[in-house]
Amino acid sequence: MPLLVKHLTLASDLRRSSDIEKIVGIGIDGLLNVFSLQTIRRDDFCHLLVKLGLLPHLVVGFRNFLGNLLEEVGGRR
């Protein structure tokens, strides 16, 4: 999980490389796959993120990713 969250923290560098965009996508897909597992309760997953100290990094990664996405959409109008 730390590696998946680390992938998301690269979202601030999305404009520099399409490879980074792919890595961020892998991070998002990986986290969504973990959430979709039927054997792990979602609240246990969230507790683990907090325990590992990954929640702040996850928030920053998603914020950067969504900010870049909104900029792209806004630039296309």
PDB file of N, CA and C in Angstrom:
ATOM      1  N   MET A   1       0.797  -1.199   0.000  1.00  0.00           N
ATOM      2  CA  MET A   1       0.000   0.000   0.000  1.00  0.00           C
ATOM      3  C   MET A   1       0.842   1.266   0.000  1.00  0.00           C
ATOM      4  N   PRO A   2       1.932   1.300   0.734  1.00  0.00           N
ATOM      5  CA  PRO A   2       2.740   2.524   0.676  1.00  0.00           C
ATOM      6  C   PRO A   2       3.181   2.865  -0.744  1.00  0.00           C
ATOM      7  N   LEU A   3       3.469   1.864  -1.529  1.00  0.00           N
ATOM      8  CA  LEU A   3       3.897   2.109  -2.908  1.00  0.00           C
ATOM      9  C   LEU A   3       2.759   2.689  -3.749  1.00  0.00           C
ATOM     10  N   LEU A   4       1.553   2.181  -3.554  1.00  0.00           N
ATOM     11  CA  LEU A   4       0.405   2.708  -4.294  1.00  0.00           C
ATOM     12  C   LEU A   4       0.161   4.173  -3.950  1.00  0.00           C
ATOM     13  N   VAL A   5       0.260   4.498  -2.671  1.00  0.00           N
ATOM     14  CA  VAL A   5       0.068   5.887  -2.244  1.00  0.00           C
ATOM     15  C   VAL A   5       1.205   6.753  -2.779  1.00  0.00           C
ATOM     16  N   LYS A   6       2.417   6.228  -2.791  1.00  0.00           N
ATOM     17  CA  LYS A   6       3.552   6.968  -3.347  1.00  0.00           C
ATOM     18  C   LYS A   6       3.313   7.306  -4.814  1.00  0.00           C
ATOM     19  N   HIS A   7       2.705   6.386  -5.546  1.00  0.00           N
ATOM     20  CA  HIS A   7       2.366   6.660  -6.947  1.00  0.00           C
ATOM     21  C   HIS A   7       1.459   7.875  -7.057  1.00  0.00           C
ATOM     22  N   LEU A   8       0.530   8.007  -6.123  1.00  0.00           N
ATOM     23  CA  LEU A   8      -0.399   9.141  -6.170  1.00  0.00           C
ATOM     24  C   LEU A   8       0.285  10.466  -5.863  1.00  0.00           C
ATOM     25  N   THR A   9       1.319  10.429  -5.048  1.00  0.00           N
ATOM     26  CA  THR A   9       1.986  11.679  -4.701  1.00  0.00           C
ATOM     27  C   THR A   9       2.728  12.274  -5.892  1.00  0.00           C
ATOM     28  N   LEU A  10       2.916  11.487  -6.924  1.00  0.00           N
ATOM     29  CA  LEU A  10       3.546  11.999  -8.145  1.00  0.00           C
ATOM     30  C   LEU A  10       2.584  12.827  -8.982  1.00  0.00           C
ATOM     31  N   ALA A  11       1.341  12.915  -8.564  1.00  0.00           N
ATOM     32  CA  ALA A  11       0.320  13.610  -9.356  1.00  0.00           C
ATOM     33  C   ALA A  11       0.673  15.068  -9.592  1.00  0.00           C
ATOM     34  N   SER A  12       1.460  15.667  -8.721  1.00  0.00           N
ATOM     35  CA  SER A  12       1.837  17.068  -8.921  1.00  0.00           C
ATOM     36  C   SER A  12       2.761  17.225 -10.120  1.00  0.00           C
ATOM     37  N   ASP A  13       3.355  16.128 -10.595  1.00  0.00           N
ATOM     38  CA  ASP A  13       4.278  16.167 -11.728  1.00  0.00           C
ATOM     39  C   ASP A  13       3.637  15.667 -13.024  1.00  0.00           C
ATOM     40  N   LEU A  14       2.319  15.576 -13.064  1.00  0.00           N
ATOM     41  CA  LEU A  14       1.636  14.998 -14.221  1.00  0.00           C
ATOM     42  C   LEU A  14       1.954  15.729 -15.521  1.00  0.00           C
ATOM     43  N   ARG A  15       2.112  17.029 -15.455  1.00  0.00           N
ATOM     44  CA  ARG A  15       2.331  17.804 -16.680  1.00  0.00           C
ATOM     45  C   ARG A  15       3.688  17.519 -17.303  1.00  0.00           C
ATOM     46  N   ARG A  16       4.609  16.974 -16.521  1.00  0.00           N
ATOM     47  CA  ARG A  16       5.969  16.760 -17.031  1.00  0.00           C
ATOM     48  C   ARG A  16       6.119  15.516 -17.886  1.00  0.00           C
ATOM     49  N   SER A  17       5.285  14.511 -17.666  1.00  0.00           N
ATOM     50  CA  SER A  17       5.541  13.251 -18.360  1.00  0.00           C
ATOM     51  C   SER A  17       4.280  12.397 -18.440  1.00  0.00           C
ATOM     52  N   SER A  18       4.089  11.765 -19.582  1.00  0.00           N
ATOM     53  CA  SER A  18       2.965  10.826 -19.709  1.00  0.00           C
ATOM     54  C   SER A  18       3.243   9.558 -18.903  1.00  0.00           C
ATOM     55  N   ASP A  19       4.526   9.252 -18.673  1.00  0.00           N
ATOM     56  CA  ASP A  19       4.867   8.091 -17.846  1.00  0.00           C
ATOM     57  C   ASP A  19       4.390   8.297 -16.411  1.00  0.00           C
ATOM     58  N   ILE A  20       4.540   9.511 -15.905  1.00  0.00           N
ATOM     59  CA  ILE A  20       4.081   9.808 -14.543  1.00  0.00           C
ATOM     60  C   ILE A  20       2.565   9.687 -14.486  1.00  0.00           C
ATOM     61  N   GLU A  21       1.888  10.113 -15.536  1.00  0.00           N
ATOM     62  CA  GLU A  21       0.428   9.984 -15.582  1.00  0.00           C
ATOM     63  C   GLU A  21       0.030   8.514 -15.492  1.00  0.00           C
ATOM     64  N   LYS A  22       0.767   7.640 -16.166  1.00  0.00           N
ATOM     65  CA  LYS A  22       0.486   6.204 -16.109  1.00  0.00           C
ATOM     66  C   LYS A  22       0.731   5.650 -14.706  1.00  0.00           C
ATOM     67  N   ILE A  23       1.797   6.109 -14.062  1.00  0.00           N
ATOM     68  CA  ILE A  23       2.120   5.642 -12.711  1.00  0.00           C
ATOM     69  C   ILE A  23       1.031   6.057 -11.731  1.00  0.00           C
ATOM     70  N   VAL A  24       0.562   7.293 -11.843  1.00  0.00           N
ATOM     71  CA  VAL A  24      -0.518   7.767 -10.972  1.00  0.00           C
ATOM     72  C   VAL A  24      -1.777   6.932 -11.225  1.00  0.00           C
ATOM     73  N   GLY A  25      -2.057   6.634 -12.479  1.00  0.00           N
ATOM     74  CA  GLY A  25      -3.200   5.789 -12.807  1.00  0.00           C
ATOM     75  C   GLY A  25      -3.089   4.405 -12.189  1.00  0.00           C
ATOM     76  N   ILE A  26      -1.892   3.851 -12.196  1.00  0.00           N
ATOM     77  CA  ILE A  26      -1.662   2.545 -11.566  1.00  0.00           C
ATOM     78  C   ILE A  26      -1.940   2.624 -10.069  1.00  0.00           C
ATOM     79  N   GLY A  27      -1.496   3.718  -9.444  1.00  0.00           N
ATOM     80  CA  GLY A  27      -1.747   3.907  -8.014  1.00  0.00           C
ATOM     81  C   GLY A  27      -3.230   3.971  -7.698  1.00  0.00           C
ATOM     82  N   ILE A  28      -3.973   4.724  -8.507  1.00  0.00           N
ATOM     83  CA  ILE A  28      -5.421   4.843  -8.294  1.00  0.00           C
ATOM     84  C   ILE A  28      -6.101   3.493  -8.510  1.00  0.00           C
ATOM     85  N   ASP A  29      -5.768   2.812  -9.600  1.00  0.00           N
ATOM     86  CA  ASP A  29      -6.359   1.501  -9.872  1.00  0.00           C
ATOM     87  C   ASP A  29      -6.051   0.510  -8.753  1.00  0.00           C
ATOM     88  N   GLY A  30      -4.819   0.537  -8.269  1.00  0.00           N
ATOM     89  CA  GLY A  30      -4.435  -0.382  -7.199  1.00  0.00           C
ATOM     90  C   GLY A  30      -5.224  -0.145  -5.930  1.00  0.00           C
ATOM     91  N   LEU A  31      -5.381   1.123  -5.556  1.00  0.00           N
ATOM     92  CA  LEU A  31      -6.149   1.434  -4.345  1.00  0.00           C
ATOM     93  C   LEU A  31      -7.623   1.068  -4.520  1.00  0.00           C
ATOM     94  N   LEU A  32      -8.173   1.324  -5.690  1.00  0.00           N
ATOM     95  CA  LEU A  32      -9.566   0.944  -5.934  1.00  0.00           C
ATOM     96  C   LEU A  32      -9.737  -0.565  -5.875  1.00  0.00           C
ATOM     97  N   ASN A  33      -8.750  -1.305  -6.369  1.00  0.00           N
ATOM     98  CA  ASN A  33      -8.820  -2.767  -6.300  1.00  0.00           C
ATOM     99  C   ASN A  33      -8.769  -3.261  -4.860  1.00  0.00           C
ATOM    100  N   VAL A  34      -7.970  -2.613  -4.027  1.00  0.00           N
ATOM    101  CA  VAL A  34      -7.917  -3.001  -2.615  1.00  0.00           C
ATOM    102  C   VAL A  34      -9.272  -2.738  -1.963  1.00  0.00           C
ATOM    103  N   PHE A  35      -9.881  -1.592  -2.281  1.00  0.00           N
ATOM    104  CA  PHE A  35     -11.193  -1.280  -1.718  1.00  0.00           C
ATOM    105  C   PHE A  35     -12.263  -2.266  -2.183  1.00  0.00           C
ATOM    106  N   SER A  36     -12.104  -2.827  -3.365  1.00  0.00           N
ATOM    107  CA  SER A  36     -13.123  -3.726  -3.899  1.00  0.00           C
ATOM    108  C   SER A  36     -12.983  -5.162  -3.396  1.00  0.00           C
ATOM    109  N   LEU A  37     -11.902  -5.464  -2.681  1.00  0.00           N
ATOM    110  CA  LEU A  37     -11.733  -6.813  -2.138  1.00  0.00           C
ATOM    111  C   LEU A  37     -12.847  -7.111  -1.142  1.00  0.00           C
ATOM    112  N   GLN A  38     -13.447  -8.254  -1.272  1.00  0.00           N
ATOM    113  CA  GLN A  38     -14.534  -8.637  -0.377  1.00  0.00           C
ATOM    114  C   GLN A  38     -14.026  -9.160   0.962  1.00  0.00           C
ATOM    115  N   THR A  39     -12.739  -9.519   1.039  1.00  0.00           N
ATOM    116  CA  THR A  39     -12.203 -10.125   2.257  1.00  0.00           C
ATOM    117  C   THR A  39     -11.743  -9.090   3.278  1.00  0.00           C
ATOM    118  N   ILE A  40     -11.636  -7.822   2.863  1.00  0.00           N
ATOM    119  CA  ILE A  40     -11.162  -6.772   3.762  1.00  0.00           C
ATOM    120  C   ILE A  40     -12.272  -5.745   3.947  1.00  0.00           C
ATOM    121  N   ARG A  41     -12.593  -5.454   5.199  1.00  0.00           N
ATOM    122  CA  ARG A  41     -13.586  -4.414   5.455  1.00  0.00           C
ATOM    123  C   ARG A  41     -12.965  -3.056   5.144  1.00  0.00           C
ATOM    124  N   ARG A  42     -13.755  -2.182   4.575  1.00  0.00           N
ATOM    125  CA  ARG A  42     -13.257  -0.874   4.154  1.00  0.00           C
ATOM    126  C   ARG A  42     -12.735  -0.063   5.331  1.00  0.00           C
ATOM    127  N   ASP A  43     -13.385  -0.158   6.481  1.00  0.00           N
ATOM    128  CA  ASP A  43     -12.909   0.616   7.619  1.00  0.00           C
ATOM    129  C   ASP A  43     -11.562   0.099   8.114  1.00  0.00           C
ATOM    130  N   ASP A  44     -11.301  -1.209   7.952  1.00  0.00           N
ATOM    131  CA  ASP A  44      -9.987  -1.748   8.307  1.00  0.00           C
ATOM    132  C   ASP A  44      -8.908  -1.164   7.391  1.00  0.00           C
ATOM    133  N   PHE A  45      -9.243  -1.020   6.128  1.00  0.00           N
ATOM    134  CA  PHE A  45      -8.317  -0.446   5.163  1.00  0.00           C
ATOM    135  C   PHE A  45      -8.000   1.002   5.539  1.00  0.00           C
ATOM    136  N   CYS A  46      -9.016   1.762   5.909  1.00  0.00           N
ATOM    137  CA  CYS A  46      -8.812   3.160   6.301  1.00  0.00           C
ATOM    138  C   CYS A  46      -7.977   3.256   7.578  1.00  0.00           C
ATOM    139  N   HIS A  47      -8.231   2.373   8.518  1.00  0.00           N
ATOM    140  CA  HIS A  47      -7.434   2.346   9.750  1.00  0.00           C
ATOM    141  C   HIS A  47      -5.973   2.050   9.437  1.00  0.00           C
ATOM    142  N   LEU A  48      -5.738   1.154   8.498  1.00  0.00           N
ATOM    143  CA  LEU A  48      -4.373   0.812   8.103  1.00  0.00           C
ATOM    144  C   LEU A  48      -3.676   2.009   7.463  1.00  0.00           C
ATOM    145  N   LEU A  49      -4.385   2.749   6.617  1.00  0.00           N
ATOM    146  CA  LEU A  49      -3.809   3.957   6.020  1.00  0.00           C
ATOM    147  C   LEU A  49      -3.382   4.950   7.095  1.00  0.00           C
ATOM    148  N   VAL A  50      -4.222   5.106   8.110  1.00  0.00           N
ATOM    149  CA  VAL A  50      -3.896   6.024   9.204  1.00  0.00           C
ATOM    150  C   VAL A  50      -2.714   5.497  10.004  1.00  0.00           C
ATOM    151  N   LYS A  51      -2.732   4.221  10.331  1.00  0.00           N
ATOM    152  CA  LYS A  51      -1.665   3.619  11.131  1.00  0.00           C
ATOM    153  C   LYS A  51      -0.302   3.730  10.440  1.00  0.00           C
ATOM    154  N   LEU A  52      -0.296   3.566   9.114  1.00  0.00           N
ATOM    155  CA  LEU A  52       0.958   3.654   8.359  1.00  0.00           C
ATOM    156  C   LEU A  52       1.371   5.100   8.052  1.00  0.00           C
ATOM    157  N   GLY A  53       0.515   6.047   8.421  1.00  0.00           N
ATOM    158  CA  GLY A  53       0.832   7.450   8.167  1.00  0.00           C
ATOM    159  C   GLY A  53       0.679   7.841   6.706  1.00  0.00           C
ATOM    160  N   LEU A  54      -0.148   7.099   5.971  1.00  0.00           N
ATOM    161  CA  LEU A  54      -0.287   7.331   4.541  1.00  0.00           C
ATOM    162  C   LEU A  54      -1.459   8.236   4.178  1.00  0.00           C
ATOM    163  N   LEU A  55      -2.362   8.453   5.112  1.00  0.00           N
ATOM    164  CA  LEU A  55      -3.553   9.231   4.789  1.00  0.00           C
ATOM    165  C   LEU A  55      -3.231  10.649   4.318  1.00  0.00           C
ATOM    166  N   PRO A  56      -2.325  11.385   4.975  1.00  0.00           N
ATOM    167  CA  PRO A  56      -1.998  12.726   4.466  1.00  0.00           C
ATOM    168  C   PRO A  56      -1.430  12.702   3.046  1.00  0.00           C
ATOM    169  N   HIS A  57      -0.617  11.709   2.754  1.00  0.00           N
ATOM    170  CA  HIS A  57      -0.041  11.586   1.410  1.00  0.00           C
ATOM    171  C   HIS A  57      -1.126  11.264   0.383  1.00  0.00           C
ATOM    172  N   LEU A  58      -2.067  10.428   0.793  1.00  0.00           N
ATOM    173  CA  LEU A  58      -3.167  10.072  -0.085  1.00  0.00           C
ATOM    174  C   LEU A  58      -4.019  11.298  -0.412  1.00  0.00           C
ATOM    175  N   VAL A  59      -4.289  12.113   0.586  1.00  0.00           N
ATOM    176  CA  VAL A  59      -5.080  13.328   0.378  1.00  0.00           C
ATOM    177  C   VAL A  59      -4.361  14.273  -0.579  1.00  0.00           C
ATOM    178  N   VAL A  60      -3.073  14.477  -0.367  1.00  0.00           N
ATOM    179  CA  VAL A  60      -2.296  15.364  -1.241  1.00  0.00           C
ATOM    180  C   VAL A  60      -2.268  14.822  -2.669  1.00  0.00           C
ATOM    181  N   GLY A  61      -2.071  13.532  -2.800  1.00  0.00           N
ATOM    182  CA  GLY A  61      -2.024  12.927  -4.129  1.00  0.00           C
ATOM    183  C   GLY A  61      -3.323  13.089  -4.887  1.00  0.00           C
ATOM    184  N   PHE A  62      -4.444  12.792  -4.218  1.00  0.00           N
ATOM    185  CA  PHE A  62      -5.737  12.948  -4.882  1.00  0.00           C
ATOM    186  C   PHE A  62      -6.025  14.414  -5.203  1.00  0.00           C
ATOM    187  N   ARG A  63      -5.671  15.321  -4.281  1.00  0.00           N
ATOM    188  CA  ARG A  63      -5.898  16.748  -4.530  1.00  0.00           C
ATOM    189  C   ARG A  63      -5.106  17.208  -5.751  1.00  0.00           C
ATOM    190  N   ASN A  64      -3.850  16.807  -5.852  1.00  0.00           N
ATOM    191  CA  ASN A  64      -3.029  17.182  -7.010  1.00  0.00           C
ATOM    192  C   ASN A  64      -3.584  16.581  -8.297  1.00  0.00           C
ATOM    193  N   PHE A  65      -3.982  15.322  -8.216  1.00  0.00           N
ATOM    194  CA  PHE A  65      -4.515  14.645  -9.391  1.00  0.00           C
ATOM    195  C   PHE A  65      -5.790  15.333  -9.879  1.00  0.00           C
ATOM    196  N   LEU A  66      -6.702  15.611  -8.958  1.00  0.00           N
ATOM    197  CA  LEU A  66      -7.953  16.262  -9.346  1.00  0.00           C
ATOM    198  C   LEU A  66      -7.715  17.687  -9.831  1.00  0.00           C
ATOM    199  N   GLY A  67      -6.759  18.391  -9.212  1.00  0.00           N
ATOM    200  CA  GLY A  67      -6.432  19.739  -9.675  1.00  0.00           C
ATOM    201  C   GLY A  67      -5.922  19.736 -11.101  1.00  0.00           C
ATOM    202  N   ASN A  68      -5.049  18.803 -11.408  1.00  0.00           N
ATOM    203  CA  ASN A  68      -4.537  18.681 -12.780  1.00  0.00           C
ATOM    204  C   ASN A  68      -5.640  18.307 -13.751  1.00  0.00           C
ATOM    205  N   LEU A  69      -6.518  17.426 -13.326  1.00  0.00           N
ATOM    206  CA  LEU A  69      -7.623  17.010 -14.175  1.00  0.00           C
ATOM    207  C   LEU A  69      -8.558  18.188 -14.467  1.00  0.00           C
ATOM    208  N   LEU A  70      -8.859  18.979 -13.449  1.00  0.00           N
ATOM    209  CA  LEU A  70      -9.737  20.139 -13.643  1.00  0.00           C
ATOM    210  C   LEU A  70      -9.075  21.186 -14.544  1.00  0.00           C
ATOM    211  N   GLU A  71      -7.768  21.353 -14.421  1.00  0.00           N
ATOM    212  CA  GLU A  71      -7.060  22.284 -15.294  1.00  0.00           C
ATOM    213  C   GLU A  71      -7.132  21.839 -16.755  1.00  0.00           C
ATOM    214  N   GLU A  72      -6.980  20.531 -16.981  1.00  0.00           N
ATOM    215  CA  GLU A  72      -7.071  19.988 -18.333  1.00  0.00           C
ATOM    216  C   GLU A  72      -8.459  20.211 -18.917  1.00  0.00           C
ATOM    217  N   VAL A  73      -9.482  19.924 -18.132  1.00  0.00           N
ATOM    218  CA  VAL A  73     -10.848  20.082 -18.598  1.00  0.00           C
ATOM    219  C   VAL A  73     -11.143  21.563 -18.852  1.00  0.00           C
ATOM    220  N   GLY A  74     -10.697  22.431 -17.975  1.00  0.00           N
ATOM    221  CA  GLY A  74     -10.910  23.860 -18.136  1.00  0.00           C
ATOM    222  C   GLY A  74     -10.180  24.420 -19.343  1.00  0.00           C
ATOM    223  N   GLY A  75      -9.018  23.878 -19.661  1.00  0.00           N
ATOM    224  CA  GLY A  75      -8.224  24.331 -20.800  1.00  0.00           C
ATOM    225  C   GLY A  75      -8.793  23.895 -22.131  1.00  0.00           C
ATOM    226  N   ARG A  76      -9.640  22.887 -22.131  1.00  0.00           N
ATOM    227  CA  ARG A  76     -10.207  22.361 -23.377  1.00  0.00           C
ATOM    228  C   ARG A  76     -11.435  23.135 -23.829  1.00  0.00           C
ATOM    229  N   ARG A  77     -11.995  23.947 -22.945  1.00  0.00           N
ATOM    230  CA  ARG A  77     -13.228  24.681 -23.302  1.00  0.00           C
ATOM    231  C   ARG A  77     -12.973  25.790 -24.239  1.00  0.00           C
TER     232      ARG A  77
END
